[in-house]
Amino acid sequence: MIELRLVFGAVLAIAMISAAIMAIWPGRSRAIAILAAGAVSLFASIMFLLLAAPDVAMTEAAIGSGLTTFLFFFVLGRVRGRKDD
Protein backbone atom coordinates (compact mmCIF):
# COMPACT_ATOMS: atom_id res chain seq x y z
CA MET A 1 0.00 0.00 0.00
CA ILE A 2 1.24 3.45 -0.87
CA GLU A 3 2.19 5.51 2.13
CA LEU A 4 -0.02 8.52 2.83
CA ARG A 5 2.95 10.89 3.15
CA LEU A 6 4.12 9.93 -0.34
CA VAL A 7 0.70 10.64 -1.85
CA PHE A 8 0.40 13.93 0.02
CA GLY A 9 3.90 14.92 -1.09
CA ALA A 10 3.04 14.18 -4.72
CA VAL A 11 -0.15 16.26 -4.48
CA LEU A 12 1.83 19.12 -2.93
CA ALA A 13 4.46 18.90 -5.68
CA ILE A 14 1.78 19.10 -8.37
CA ALA A 15 0.15 22.03 -6.58
CA MET A 16 3.52 23.82 -6.34
CA ILE A 17 4.22 23.32 -10.03
CA SER A 18 0.78 24.52 -11.07
CA ALA A 19 1.01 27.60 -8.83
CA ALA A 20 4.48 28.37 -10.21
CA ILE A 21 3.16 28.15 -13.77
CA MET A 22 0.27 30.42 -12.80
CA ALA A 23 2.74 32.92 -11.34
CA ILE A 24 4.79 33.20 -14.54
CA TRP A 25 1.98 32.79 -17.09
CA PRO A 26 1.80 35.88 -19.32
CA GLY A 27 -1.43 37.84 -19.40
CA ARG A 28 -2.36 37.36 -15.76
CA SER A 29 -2.70 40.29 -13.41
CA ARG A 30 0.16 41.13 -11.11
CA ALA A 31 -1.94 40.48 -8.01
CA ILE A 32 -2.69 36.91 -9.12
CA ALA A 33 1.00 36.37 -9.86
CA ILE A 34 1.94 37.59 -6.38
CA LEU A 35 -0.65 35.35 -4.73
CA ALA A 36 0.50 32.37 -6.80
CA ALA A 37 4.11 32.97 -5.77
CA GLY A 38 2.99 33.13 -2.14
CA ALA A 39 1.12 29.85 -2.62
CA VAL A 40 4.27 28.21 -3.97
CA SER A 41 6.10 29.28 -0.84
CA LEU A 42 3.28 28.07 1.39
CA PHE A 43 3.22 24.68 -0.33
CA ALA A 44 7.00 24.50 0.07
CA SER A 45 6.69 25.14 3.79
CA ILE A 46 4.17 22.30 4.10
CA MET A 47 6.55 20.09 2.14
CA PHE A 48 9.38 20.96 4.54
CA LEU A 49 7.09 20.01 7.41
CA LEU A 50 6.46 16.63 5.77
CA LEU A 51 10.22 16.15 5.41
CA ALA A 52 10.63 16.63 9.19
CA ALA A 53 12.23 20.07 9.04
CA PRO A 54 9.89 22.21 11.16
CA ASP A 55 12.38 25.04 11.65
CA VAL A 56 12.83 25.47 7.90
CA ALA A 57 9.05 25.17 7.43
CA MET A 58 8.36 27.95 9.93
CA THR A 59 10.96 30.21 8.35
CA GLU A 60 9.62 29.58 4.85
CA ALA A 61 6.05 30.24 5.97
CA ALA A 62 6.93 33.43 7.80
CA ILE A 63 9.39 34.95 5.36
CA GLY A 64 8.57 33.29 2.05
CA SER A 65 4.81 33.36 2.00
CA GLY A 66 4.06 35.99 4.63
CA LEU A 67 6.54 38.82 4.51
CA THR A 68 7.51 38.57 0.84
CA THR A 69 3.89 38.53 -0.33
CA PHE A 70 3.11 41.52 1.87
CA LEU A 71 6.12 43.43 0.54
CA PHE A 72 5.19 42.67 -3.08
CA PHE A 73 1.67 44.00 -2.53
CA PHE A 74 3.03 47.06 -0.72
CA VAL A 75 5.40 47.85 -3.58
CA LEU A 76 2.67 47.20 -6.15
CA GLY A 77 0.45 49.72 -4.37
CA ARG A 78 3.25 52.28 -4.30
CA VAL A 79 4.02 51.81 -7.99
CA ARG A 80 0.36 52.12 -8.99
CA GLY A 81 0.03 55.30 -6.96
CA ARG A 82 2.70 57.17 -8.94
CA LYS A 83 2.00 59.37 -11.93
CA ASP A 84 3.84 58.78 -15.17
CA ASP A 85 6.51 61.30 -16.11
PDB file of N, CA and C in Angstrom:
ATOM      1  N   MET A   1       0.828  -1.181   0.000  1.00  0.00           N
ATOM      2  CA  MET A   1       0.000   0.000   0.000  1.00  0.00           C
ATOM      3  C   MET A   1       0.877   1.252   0.000  1.00  0.00           C
ATOM      4  N   ILE A   2       0.457   2.217  -0.773  1.00  0.00           N
ATOM      5  CA  ILE A   2       1.239   3.453  -0.870  1.00  0.00           C
ATOM      6  C   ILE A   2       1.083   4.254   0.422  1.00  0.00           C
ATOM      7  N   GLU A   3       2.191   4.748   0.894  1.00  0.00           N
ATOM      8  CA  GLU A   3       2.191   5.505   2.134  1.00  0.00           C
ATOM      9  C   GLU A   3       1.503   6.856   1.926  1.00  0.00           C
ATOM     10  N   LEU A   4       0.766   7.291   2.928  1.00  0.00           N
ATOM     11  CA  LEU A   4      -0.016   8.519   2.831  1.00  0.00           C
ATOM     12  C   LEU A   4       0.874   9.748   2.647  1.00  0.00           C
ATOM     13  N   ARG A   5       2.040   9.745   3.299  1.00  0.00           N
ATOM     14  CA  ARG A   5       2.953  10.886   3.152  1.00  0.00           C
ATOM     15  C   ARG A   5       3.444  11.022   1.725  1.00  0.00           C
ATOM     16  N   LEU A   6       3.656   9.910   1.044  1.00  0.00           N
ATOM     17  CA  LEU A   6       4.116   9.935  -0.337  1.00  0.00           C
ATOM     18  C   LEU A   6       3.048  10.514  -1.258  1.00  0.00           C
ATOM     19  N   VAL A   7       1.807  10.119  -1.046  1.00  0.00           N
ATOM     20  CA  VAL A   7       0.704  10.641  -1.853  1.00  0.00           C
ATOM     21  C   VAL A   7       0.521  12.132  -1.591  1.00  0.00           C
ATOM     22  N   PHE A   8       0.557  12.519  -0.328  1.00  0.00           N
ATOM     23  CA  PHE A   8       0.397  13.930   0.018  1.00  0.00           C
ATOM     24  C   PHE A   8       1.553  14.757  -0.531  1.00  0.00           C
ATOM     25  N   GLY A   9       2.751  14.219  -0.516  1.00  0.00           N
ATOM     26  CA  GLY A   9       3.899  14.916  -1.093  1.00  0.00           C
ATOM     27  C   GLY A   9       3.765  15.094  -2.593  1.00  0.00           C
ATOM     28  N   ALA A  10       3.245  14.082  -3.282  1.00  0.00           N
ATOM     29  CA  ALA A  10       3.038  14.182  -4.723  1.00  0.00           C
ATOM     30  C   ALA A  10       1.969  15.220  -5.050  1.00  0.00           C
ATOM     31  N   VAL A  11       0.906  15.252  -4.270  1.00  0.00           N
ATOM     32  CA  VAL A  11      -0.147  16.257  -4.477  1.00  0.00           C
ATOM     33  C   VAL A  11       0.400  17.657  -4.239  1.00  0.00           C
ATOM     34  N   LEU A  12       1.221  17.814  -3.195  1.00  0.00           N
ATOM     35  CA  LEU A  12       1.833  19.119  -2.932  1.00  0.00           C
ATOM     36  C   LEU A  12       2.787  19.531  -4.045  1.00  0.00           C
ATOM     37  N   ALA A  13       3.538  18.589  -4.582  1.00  0.00           N
ATOM     38  CA  ALA A  13       4.458  18.905  -5.676  1.00  0.00           C
ATOM     39  C   ALA A  13       3.690  19.363  -6.917  1.00  0.00           C
ATOM     40  N   ILE A  14       2.601  18.696  -7.222  1.00  0.00           N
ATOM     41  CA  ILE A  14       1.781  19.101  -8.371  1.00  0.00           C
ATOM     42  C   ILE A  14       1.166  20.475  -8.133  1.00  0.00           C
ATOM     43  N   ALA A  15       0.717  20.726  -6.904  1.00  0.00           N
ATOM     44  CA  ALA A  15       0.151  22.035  -6.580  1.00  0.00           C
ATOM     45  C   ALA A  15       1.212  23.134  -6.685  1.00  0.00           C
ATOM     46  N   MET A  16       2.439  22.830  -6.234  1.00  0.00           N
ATOM     47  CA  MET A  16       3.518  23.822  -6.342  1.00  0.00           C
ATOM     48  C   MET A  16       3.841  24.135  -7.789  1.00  0.00           C
ATOM     49  N   ILE A  17       3.901  23.107  -8.626  1.00  0.00           N
ATOM     50  CA  ILE A  17       4.222  23.323 -10.031  1.00  0.00           C
ATOM     51  C   ILE A  17       3.122  24.113 -10.726  1.00  0.00           C
ATOM     52  N   SER A  18       1.869  23.791 -10.427  1.00  0.00           N
ATOM     53  CA  SER A  18       0.784  24.521 -11.069  1.00  0.00           C
ATOM     54  C   SER A  18       0.720  25.968 -10.594  1.00  0.00           C
ATOM     55  N   ALA A  19       0.985  26.226  -9.325  1.00  0.00           N
ATOM     56  CA  ALA A  19       1.008  27.600  -8.833  1.00  0.00           C
ATOM     57  C   ALA A  19       2.189  28.375  -9.413  1.00  0.00           C
ATOM     58  N   ALA A  20       3.320  27.705  -9.607  1.00  0.00           N
ATOM     59  CA  ALA A  20       4.477  28.374 -10.213  1.00  0.00           C
ATOM     60  C   ALA A  20       4.188  28.732 -11.670  1.00  0.00           C
ATOM     61  N   ILE A  21       3.527  27.837 -12.387  1.00  0.00           N
ATOM     62  CA  ILE A  21       3.157  28.148 -13.773  1.00  0.00           C
ATOM     63  C   ILE A  21       2.165  29.303 -13.807  1.00  0.00           C
ATOM     64  N   MET A  22       1.233  29.320 -12.857  1.00  0.00           N
ATOM     65  CA  MET A  22       0.275  30.418 -12.797  1.00  0.00           C
ATOM     66  C   MET A  22       0.969  31.748 -12.493  1.00  0.00           C
ATOM     67  N   ALA A  23       2.027  31.700 -11.703  1.00  0.00           N
ATOM     68  CA  ALA A  23       2.744  32.921 -11.343  1.00  0.00           C
ATOM     69  C   ALA A  23       3.495  33.513 -12.528  1.00  0.00           C
ATOM     70  N   ILE A  24       3.997  32.670 -13.430  1.00  0.00           N
ATOM     71  CA  ILE A  24       4.786  33.196 -14.542  1.00  0.00           C
ATOM     72  C   ILE A  24       4.018  33.249 -15.855  1.00  0.00           C
ATOM     73  N   TRP A  25       2.762  32.800 -15.856  1.00  0.00           N
ATOM     74  CA  TRP A  25       1.977  32.788 -17.088  1.00  0.00           C
ATOM     75  C   TRP A  25       1.717  34.215 -17.563  1.00  0.00           C
ATOM     76  N   PRO A  26       2.031  34.512 -18.820  1.00  0.00           N
ATOM     77  CA  PRO A  26       1.805  35.878 -19.321  1.00  0.00           C
ATOM     78  C   PRO A  26       0.313  36.172 -19.452  1.00  0.00           C
ATOM     79  N   GLY A  27      -0.047  37.410 -19.250  1.00  0.00           N
ATOM     80  CA  GLY A  27      -1.426  37.838 -19.398  1.00  0.00           C
ATOM     81  C   GLY A  27      -2.205  37.876 -18.094  1.00  0.00           C
ATOM     82  N   ARG A  28      -1.676  37.322 -17.050  1.00  0.00           N
ATOM     83  CA  ARG A  28      -2.362  37.356 -15.759  1.00  0.00           C
ATOM     84  C   ARG A  28      -2.070  38.689 -15.070  1.00  0.00           C
ATOM     85  N   SER A  29      -2.932  39.056 -14.150  1.00  0.00           N
ATOM     86  CA  SER A  29      -2.701  40.291 -13.407  1.00  0.00           C
ATOM     87  C   SER A  29      -1.544  40.105 -12.433  1.00  0.00           C
ATOM     88  N   ARG A  30      -0.979  41.196 -12.031  1.00  0.00           N
ATOM     89  CA  ARG A  30       0.156  41.128 -11.108  1.00  0.00           C
ATOM     90  C   ARG A  30      -0.260  40.601  -9.745  1.00  0.00           C
ATOM     91  N   ALA A  31      -1.476  40.940  -9.322  1.00  0.00           N
ATOM     92  CA  ALA A  31      -1.945  40.476  -8.013  1.00  0.00           C
ATOM     93  C   ALA A  31      -2.074  38.950  -7.989  1.00  0.00           C
ATOM     94  N   ILE A  32      -2.573  38.367  -9.058  1.00  0.00           N
ATOM     95  CA  ILE A  32      -2.688  36.905  -9.124  1.00  0.00           C
ATOM     96  C   ILE A  32      -1.306  36.269  -9.134  1.00  0.00           C
ATOM     97  N   ALA A  33      -0.365  36.893  -9.832  1.00  0.00           N
ATOM     98  CA  ALA A  33       1.000  36.365  -9.859  1.00  0.00           C
ATOM     99  C   ALA A  33       1.636  36.418  -8.470  1.00  0.00           C
ATOM    100  N   ILE A  34       1.394  37.484  -7.732  1.00  0.00           N
ATOM    101  CA  ILE A  34       1.943  37.593  -6.381  1.00  0.00           C
ATOM    102  C   ILE A  34       1.325  36.544  -5.468  1.00  0.00           C
ATOM    103  N   LEU A  35       0.004  36.370  -5.555  1.00  0.00           N
ATOM    104  CA  LEU A  35      -0.652  35.355  -4.734  1.00  0.00           C
ATOM    105  C   LEU A  35      -0.196  33.949  -5.096  1.00  0.00           C
ATOM    106  N   ALA A  36       0.023  33.690  -6.378  1.00  0.00           N
ATOM    107  CA  ALA A  36       0.498  32.371  -6.795  1.00  0.00           C
ATOM    108  C   ALA A  36       1.912  32.120  -6.285  1.00  0.00           C
ATOM    109  N   ALA A  37       2.761  33.125  -6.312  1.00  0.00           N
ATOM    110  CA  ALA A  37       4.110  32.968  -5.770  1.00  0.00           C
ATOM    111  C   ALA A  37       4.070  32.724  -4.260  1.00  0.00           C
ATOM    112  N   GLY A  38       3.164  33.389  -3.572  1.00  0.00           N
ATOM    113  CA  GLY A  38       2.994  33.128  -2.143  1.00  0.00           C
ATOM    114  C   GLY A  38       2.486  31.722  -1.878  1.00  0.00           C
ATOM    115  N   ALA A  39       1.628  31.226  -2.766  1.00  0.00           N
ATOM    116  CA  ALA A  39       1.122  29.855  -2.620  1.00  0.00           C
ATOM    117  C   ALA A  39       2.236  28.835  -2.824  1.00  0.00           C
ATOM    118  N   VAL A  40       3.128  29.103  -3.767  1.00  0.00           N
ATOM    119  CA  VAL A  40       4.270  28.205  -3.968  1.00  0.00           C
ATOM    120  C   VAL A  40       5.098  28.126  -2.690  1.00  0.00           C
ATOM    121  N   SER A  41       5.324  29.259  -2.076  1.00  0.00           N
ATOM    122  CA  SER A  41       6.100  29.281  -0.844  1.00  0.00           C
ATOM    123  C   SER A  41       5.362  28.576   0.297  1.00  0.00           C
ATOM    124  N   LEU A  42       4.053  28.746   0.356  1.00  0.00           N
ATOM    125  CA  LEU A  42       3.278  28.074   1.390  1.00  0.00           C
ATOM    126  C   LEU A  42       3.285  26.565   1.195  1.00  0.00           C
ATOM    127  N   PHE A  43       3.145  26.110  -0.049  1.00  0.00           N
ATOM    128  CA  PHE A  43       3.219  24.681  -0.328  1.00  0.00           C
ATOM    129  C   PHE A  43       4.609  24.136  -0.007  1.00  0.00           C
ATOM    130  N   ALA A  44       5.639  24.935  -0.264  1.00  0.00           N
ATOM    131  CA  ALA A  44       7.003  24.501   0.067  1.00  0.00           C
ATOM    132  C   ALA A  44       7.172  24.364   1.574  1.00  0.00           C
ATOM    133  N   SER A  45       6.563  25.264   2.341  1.00  0.00           N
ATOM    134  CA  SER A  45       6.689  25.144   3.795  1.00  0.00           C
ATOM    135  C   SER A  45       5.970  23.899   4.316  1.00  0.00           C
ATOM    136  N   ILE A  46       4.842  23.538   3.704  1.00  0.00           N
ATOM    137  CA  ILE A  46       4.168  22.302   4.098  1.00  0.00           C
ATOM    138  C   ILE A  46       5.022  21.090   3.722  1.00  0.00           C
ATOM    139  N   MET A  47       5.675  21.182   2.561  1.00  0.00           N
ATOM    140  CA  MET A  47       6.551  20.092   2.137  1.00  0.00           C
ATOM    141  C   MET A  47       7.730  19.927   3.101  1.00  0.00           C
ATOM    142  N   PHE A  48       8.299  21.040   3.561  1.00  0.00           N
ATOM    143  CA  PHE A  48       9.376  20.957   4.543  1.00  0.00           C
ATOM    144  C   PHE A  48       8.889  20.330   5.847  1.00  0.00           C
ATOM    145  N   LEU A  49       7.650  20.618   6.210  1.00  0.00           N
ATOM    146  CA  LEU A  49       7.092  20.013   7.411  1.00  0.00           C
ATOM    147  C   LEU A  49       6.945  18.504   7.241  1.00  0.00           C
ATOM    148  N   LEU A  50       6.545  18.065   6.047  1.00  0.00           N
ATOM    149  CA  LEU A  50       6.461  16.632   5.772  1.00  0.00           C
ATOM    150  C   LEU A  50       7.833  15.965   5.807  1.00  0.00           C
ATOM    151  N   LEU A  51       8.865  16.695   5.431  1.00  0.00           N
ATOM    152  CA  LEU A  51      10.217  16.153   5.410  1.00  0.00           C
ATOM    153  C   LEU A  51      10.919  16.272   6.765  1.00  0.00           C
ATOM    154  N   ALA A  52      10.150  16.562   7.804  1.00  0.00           N
ATOM    155  CA  ALA A  52      10.633  16.626   9.189  1.00  0.00           C
ATOM    156  C   ALA A  52      11.658  17.729   9.396  1.00  0.00           C
ATOM    157  N   ALA A  53      11.385  18.899   8.818  1.00  0.00           N
ATOM    158  CA  ALA A  53      12.225  20.069   9.040  1.00  0.00           C
ATOM    159  C   ALA A  53      11.340  21.230   9.493  1.00  0.00           C
ATOM    160  N   PRO A  54      10.852  21.187  10.731  1.00  0.00           N
ATOM    161  CA  PRO A  54       9.893  22.209  11.164  1.00  0.00           C
ATOM    162  C   PRO A  54      10.486  23.604  11.270  1.00  0.00           C
ATOM    163  N   ASP A  55      11.770  23.716  11.570  1.00  0.00           N
ATOM    164  CA  ASP A  55      12.383  25.039  11.654  1.00  0.00           C
ATOM    165  C   ASP A  55      12.442  25.704  10.281  1.00  0.00           C
ATOM    166  N   VAL A  56      12.792  24.937   9.268  1.00  0.00           N
ATOM    167  CA  VAL A  56      12.829  25.472   7.902  1.00  0.00           C
ATOM    168  C   VAL A  56      11.415  25.780   7.433  1.00  0.00           C
ATOM    169  N   ALA A  57      10.437  24.953   7.819  1.00  0.00           N
ATOM    170  CA  ALA A  57       9.047  25.173   7.429  1.00  0.00           C
ATOM    171  C   ALA A  57       8.504  26.465   8.029  1.00  0.00           C
ATOM    172  N   MET A  58       8.835  26.715   9.291  1.00  0.00           N
ATOM    173  CA  MET A  58       8.356  27.947   9.931  1.00  0.00           C
ATOM    174  C   MET A  58       8.999  29.171   9.303  1.00  0.00           C
ATOM    175  N   THR A  59      10.283  29.087   8.986  1.00  0.00           N
ATOM    176  CA  THR A  59      10.962  30.211   8.352  1.00  0.00           C
ATOM    177  C   THR A  59      10.407  30.474   6.971  1.00  0.00           C
ATOM    178  N   GLU A  60      10.168  29.428   6.197  1.00  0.00           N
ATOM    179  CA  GLU A  60       9.621  29.584   4.851  1.00  0.00           C
ATOM    180  C   GLU A  60       8.214  30.165   4.901  1.00  0.00           C
ATOM    181  N   ALA A  61       7.413  29.725   5.850  1.00  0.00           N
ATOM    182  CA  ALA A  61       6.055  30.242   5.966  1.00  0.00           C
ATOM    183  C   ALA A  61       6.054  31.707   6.375  1.00  0.00           C
ATOM    184  N   ALA A  62       6.915  32.058   7.311  1.00  0.00           N
ATOM    185  CA  ALA A  62       6.926  33.434   7.802  1.00  0.00           C
ATOM    186  C   ALA A  62       7.536  34.395   6.788  1.00  0.00           C
ATOM    187  N   ILE A  63       8.691  34.056   6.260  1.00  0.00           N
ATOM    188  CA  ILE A  63       9.394  34.951   5.356  1.00  0.00           C
ATOM    189  C   ILE A  63       8.909  34.783   3.925  1.00  0.00           C
ATOM    190  N   GLY A  64       8.892  33.546   3.451  1.00  0.00           N
ATOM    191  CA  GLY A  64       8.574  33.292   2.049  1.00  0.00           C
ATOM    192  C   GLY A  64       7.160  33.642   1.667  1.00  0.00           C
ATOM    193  N   SER A  65       6.189  33.111   2.401  1.00  0.00           N
ATOM    194  CA  SER A  65       4.813  33.356   1.997  1.00  0.00           C
ATOM    195  C   SER A  65       4.209  34.567   2.695  1.00  0.00           C
ATOM    196  N   GLY A  66       4.639  34.865   3.894  1.00  0.00           N
ATOM    197  CA  GLY A  66       4.058  35.988   4.631  1.00  0.00           C
ATOM    198  C   GLY A  66       4.651  37.334   4.288  1.00  0.00           C
ATOM    199  N   LEU A  67       5.901  37.523   4.657  1.00  0.00           N
ATOM    200  CA  LEU A  67       6.541  38.825   4.509  1.00  0.00           C
ATOM    201  C   LEU A  67       6.772  39.204   3.050  1.00  0.00           C
ATOM    202  N   THR A  68       7.217  38.262   2.246  1.00  0.00           N
ATOM    203  CA  THR A  68       7.506  38.566   0.844  1.00  0.00           C
ATOM    204  C   THR A  68       6.236  38.930   0.092  1.00  0.00           C
ATOM    205  N   THR A  69       5.149  38.206   0.327  1.00  0.00           N
ATOM    206  CA  THR A  69       3.886  38.531  -0.333  1.00  0.00           C
ATOM    207  C   THR A  69       3.394  39.903   0.097  1.00  0.00           C
ATOM    208  N   PHE A  70       3.495  40.199   1.384  1.00  0.00           N
ATOM    209  CA  PHE A  70       3.108  41.518   1.869  1.00  0.00           C
ATOM    210  C   PHE A  70       3.937  42.619   1.215  1.00  0.00           C
ATOM    211  N   LEU A  71       5.256  42.417   1.138  1.00  0.00           N
ATOM    212  CA  LEU A  71       6.117  43.432   0.537  1.00  0.00           C
ATOM    213  C   LEU A  71       5.823  43.627  -0.953  1.00  0.00           C
ATOM    214  N   PHE A  72       5.544  42.540  -1.662  1.00  0.00           N
ATOM    215  CA  PHE A  72       5.192  42.670  -3.075  1.00  0.00           C
ATOM    216  C   PHE A  72       3.917  43.480  -3.255  1.00  0.00           C
ATOM    217  N   PHE A  73       2.902  43.227  -2.433  1.00  0.00           N
ATOM    218  CA  PHE A  73       1.670  44.002  -2.535  1.00  0.00           C
ATOM    219  C   PHE A  73       1.882  45.455  -2.130  1.00  0.00           C
ATOM    220  N   PHE A  74       2.725  45.693  -1.133  1.00  0.00           N
ATOM    221  CA  PHE A  74       3.034  47.062  -0.717  1.00  0.00           C
ATOM    222  C   PHE A  74       3.708  47.826  -1.851  1.00  0.00           C
ATOM    223  N   VAL A  75       4.697  47.204  -2.480  1.00  0.00           N
ATOM    224  CA  VAL A  75       5.404  47.854  -3.584  1.00  0.00           C
ATOM    225  C   VAL A  75       4.476  48.045  -4.776  1.00  0.00           C
ATOM    226  N   LEU A  76       3.621  47.076  -5.046  1.00  0.00           N
ATOM    227  CA  LEU A  76       2.670  47.200  -6.149  1.00  0.00           C
ATOM    228  C   LEU A  76       1.725  48.376  -5.919  1.00  0.00           C
ATOM    229  N   GLY A  77       1.291  48.563  -4.692  1.00  0.00           N
ATOM    230  CA  GLY A  77       0.453  49.717  -4.373  1.00  0.00           C
ATOM    231  C   GLY A  77       1.189  51.034  -4.524  1.00  0.00           C
ATOM    232  N   ARG A  78       2.459  51.047  -4.152  1.00  0.00           N
ATOM    233  CA  ARG A  78       3.252  52.276  -4.301  1.00  0.00           C
ATOM    234  C   ARG A  78       3.515  52.598  -5.763  1.00  0.00           C
ATOM    235  N   VAL A  79       3.754  51.589  -6.566  1.00  0.00           N
ATOM    236  CA  VAL A  79       4.024  51.812  -7.986  1.00  0.00           C
ATOM    237  C   VAL A  79       2.762  52.277  -8.697  1.00  0.00           C
ATOM    238  N   ARG A  80       1.617  51.708  -8.373  1.00  0.00           N
ATOM    239  CA  ARG A  80       0.362  52.117  -8.991  1.00  0.00           C
ATOM    240  C   ARG A  80      -0.024  53.534  -8.610  1.00  0.00           C
ATOM    241  N   GLY A  81       0.400  53.982  -7.432  1.00  0.00           N
ATOM    242  CA  GLY A  81       0.030  55.304  -6.965  1.00  0.00           C
ATOM    243  C   GLY A  81       0.799  56.432  -7.626  1.00  0.00           C
ATOM    244  N   ARG A  82       1.880  56.153  -8.311  1.00  0.00           N
ATOM    245  CA  ARG A  82       2.698  57.173  -8.940  1.00  0.00           C
ATOM    246  C   ARG A  82       2.127  57.613 -10.265  1.00  0.00           C
ATOM    247  N   LYS A  83       2.389  58.863 -10.618  1.00  0.00           N
ATOM    248  CA  LYS A  83       1.999  59.368 -11.932  1.00  0.00           C
ATOM    249  C   LYS A  83       3.143  59.153 -12.894  1.00  0.00           C
ATOM    250  N   ASP A  84       2.804  58.942 -14.147  1.00  0.00           N
ATOM    251  CA  ASP A  84       3.841  58.775 -15.170  1.00  0.00           C
ATOM    252  C   ASP A  84       4.490  60.111 -15.479  1.00  0.00           C
ATOM    253  N   ASP A  85       5.776  60.073 -15.779  1.00  0.00           N
ATOM    254  CA  ASP A  85       6.513  61.296 -16.114  1.00  0.00           C
ATOM    255  C   ASP A  85       6.255  61.721 -17.540  1.00  0.00           C
TER     256      ASP A  85
END
